[in-house]
Amino acid sequence: MTELLHIITTVGWQDAQGRGEYRPSSLIEEGFIHCSTQEQLLGVANALYTGQTELLLLQIDPAQITAEIKYEDCYESGQMFPHIYGPLPLPAITRVFNFRPDPNGFFTMPDGLG
């Protein structure tokens, strides 16, 4: 299975490290953690996070997740996005990238991803 990606704030990452797992507000409010594939990443980042600077990108090994992972088109976008239906255990995170926008506020693929 292809590795998943998740954009997280630096504060959210610090909180996850303190808890030993990641439980964003979307898990409580929507029942899942939003993720993307490498092909979907920049579209999501530039649509939802333009100009935000305190972000990290988590690379996730889905084989290390015990919760259900579903690919769904929840927003009628025509794309199937991966969603994790449970907390994300920290051992499933294979890499953490600094994820900062360029001077114009837009994101590019981090070096070393892929």
Protein backbone atom coordinates (compact mmCIF):
# COMPACT_ATOMS: atom_id res chain seq x y z
CA MET A 1 0.00 0.00 0.00
CA THR A 2 1.25 3.51 -0.86
CA GLU A 3 2.50 5.67 1.96
CA LEU A 4 0.07 8.33 3.16
CA LEU A 5 0.77 11.98 3.91
CA HIS A 6 -0.73 14.28 6.52
CA ILE A 7 -0.17 18.00 7.10
CA ILE A 8 0.11 18.91 10.77
CA THR A 9 0.94 22.03 12.74
CA THR A 10 4.10 22.07 14.82
CA VAL A 11 1.91 22.44 17.93
CA GLY A 12 -0.16 19.42 16.89
CA TRP A 13 3.02 17.38 16.40
CA GLN A 14 4.31 18.36 19.84
CA ASP A 15 0.98 17.31 21.35
CA ALA A 16 1.08 13.96 19.51
CA GLN A 17 4.59 13.27 20.77
CA GLY A 18 3.44 13.94 24.33
CA ARG A 19 0.48 11.56 23.95
CA GLY A 20 2.27 8.85 21.99
CA GLU A 21 -0.38 9.02 19.24
CA TYR A 22 -2.04 11.61 17.05
CA ARG A 23 -5.70 12.48 17.62
CA PRO A 24 -6.64 15.64 15.68
CA SER A 25 -9.97 17.39 16.15
CA SER A 26 -11.19 15.89 12.86
CA LEU A 27 -11.10 12.45 14.47
CA ILE A 28 -13.70 13.57 17.01
CA GLU A 29 -15.69 15.86 14.72
CA GLU A 30 -15.72 13.78 11.53
CA GLY A 31 -14.57 10.35 12.74
CA PHE A 32 -11.33 10.21 10.75
CA ILE A 33 -7.93 11.77 10.05
CA HIS A 34 -7.60 13.43 6.66
CA CYS A 35 -4.65 12.23 4.59
CA SER A 36 -3.52 12.44 1.01
CA THR A 37 -1.37 10.61 -1.48
CA GLN A 38 1.78 12.19 -2.88
CA GLU A 39 -0.14 13.08 -6.05
CA GLN A 40 -2.83 14.90 -4.03
CA LEU A 41 -0.53 16.69 -1.56
CA LEU A 42 0.18 19.98 -3.30
CA GLY A 43 -3.44 20.48 -4.34
CA VAL A 44 -4.55 20.08 -0.73
CA ALA A 45 -1.71 22.17 0.70
CA ASN A 46 -2.19 25.06 -1.71
CA ALA A 47 -5.98 25.03 -1.38
CA LEU A 48 -6.16 24.83 2.42
CA TYR A 49 -2.84 25.98 3.89
CA THR A 50 -1.54 28.79 1.64
CA GLY A 51 0.68 31.14 3.60
CA GLN A 52 0.75 29.07 6.80
CA THR A 53 4.29 28.62 8.04
CA GLU A 54 4.20 26.46 11.17
CA LEU A 55 3.51 23.18 9.38
CA LEU A 56 5.08 19.76 9.14
CA LEU A 57 4.35 16.89 6.79
CA LEU A 58 4.03 13.37 8.16
CA GLN A 59 4.87 10.42 5.93
CA ILE A 60 2.88 7.42 7.16
CA ASP A 61 3.28 3.67 6.61
CA PRO A 62 -0.32 2.37 6.38
CA ALA A 63 0.87 -1.17 7.22
CA GLN A 64 1.62 0.08 10.74
CA ILE A 65 -1.92 1.36 11.35
CA THR A 66 -4.46 -0.89 13.02
CA ALA A 67 -7.42 1.46 12.41
CA GLU A 68 -9.41 1.16 9.20
CA ILE A 69 -8.19 3.20 6.23
CA LYS A 70 -10.81 4.11 3.65
CA TYR A 71 -10.36 5.90 0.35
CA GLU A 72 -13.36 8.20 -0.05
CA ASP A 73 -14.64 11.11 -2.08
CA CYS A 74 -16.37 12.92 0.77
CA TYR A 75 -16.48 16.27 -1.00
CA GLU A 76 -17.58 15.26 -4.49
CA SER A 77 -14.20 16.32 -5.84
CA GLY A 78 -13.78 13.26 -8.04
CA GLN A 79 -10.73 12.21 -6.00
CA MET A 80 -10.50 9.37 -3.52
CA PHE A 81 -8.69 10.63 -0.42
CA PRO A 82 -7.33 8.30 2.26
CA HIS A 83 -8.92 8.64 5.69
CA ILE A 84 -7.73 6.95 8.89
CA TYR A 85 -10.65 5.93 11.11
CA GLY A 86 -8.80 5.97 14.43
CA PRO A 87 -5.79 7.49 16.14
CA LEU A 88 -2.48 7.52 14.34
CA PRO A 89 0.22 5.63 16.30
CA LEU A 90 3.57 7.40 16.19
CA PRO A 91 5.50 4.28 15.08
CA ALA A 92 3.52 4.43 11.80
CA ILE A 93 5.18 7.75 10.96
CA THR A 94 8.24 7.03 8.85
CA ARG A 95 9.43 10.62 8.28
CA VAL A 96 8.61 14.16 9.34
CA PHE A 97 9.35 16.96 6.89
CA ASN A 98 9.43 20.70 7.48
CA PHE A 99 6.64 21.96 5.25
CA ARG A 100 6.99 25.67 4.61
CA PRO A 101 5.57 27.69 1.74
CA ASP A 102 7.72 29.59 -0.73
CA PRO A 103 7.94 33.42 -0.51
CA ASN A 104 4.63 33.68 -2.40
CA GLY A 105 2.84 31.50 0.17
CA PHE A 106 2.60 28.36 -1.96
CA PHE A 107 3.90 24.88 -1.27
CA THR A 108 6.22 22.67 -3.30
CA MET A 109 7.17 19.05 -2.75
CA PRO A 110 9.65 18.70 0.13
CA ASP A 111 13.14 17.52 -0.75
CA GLY A 112 13.51 13.79 -0.15
CA LEU A 113 9.83 12.91 -0.52
CA GLY A 114 9.09 10.26 -3.06
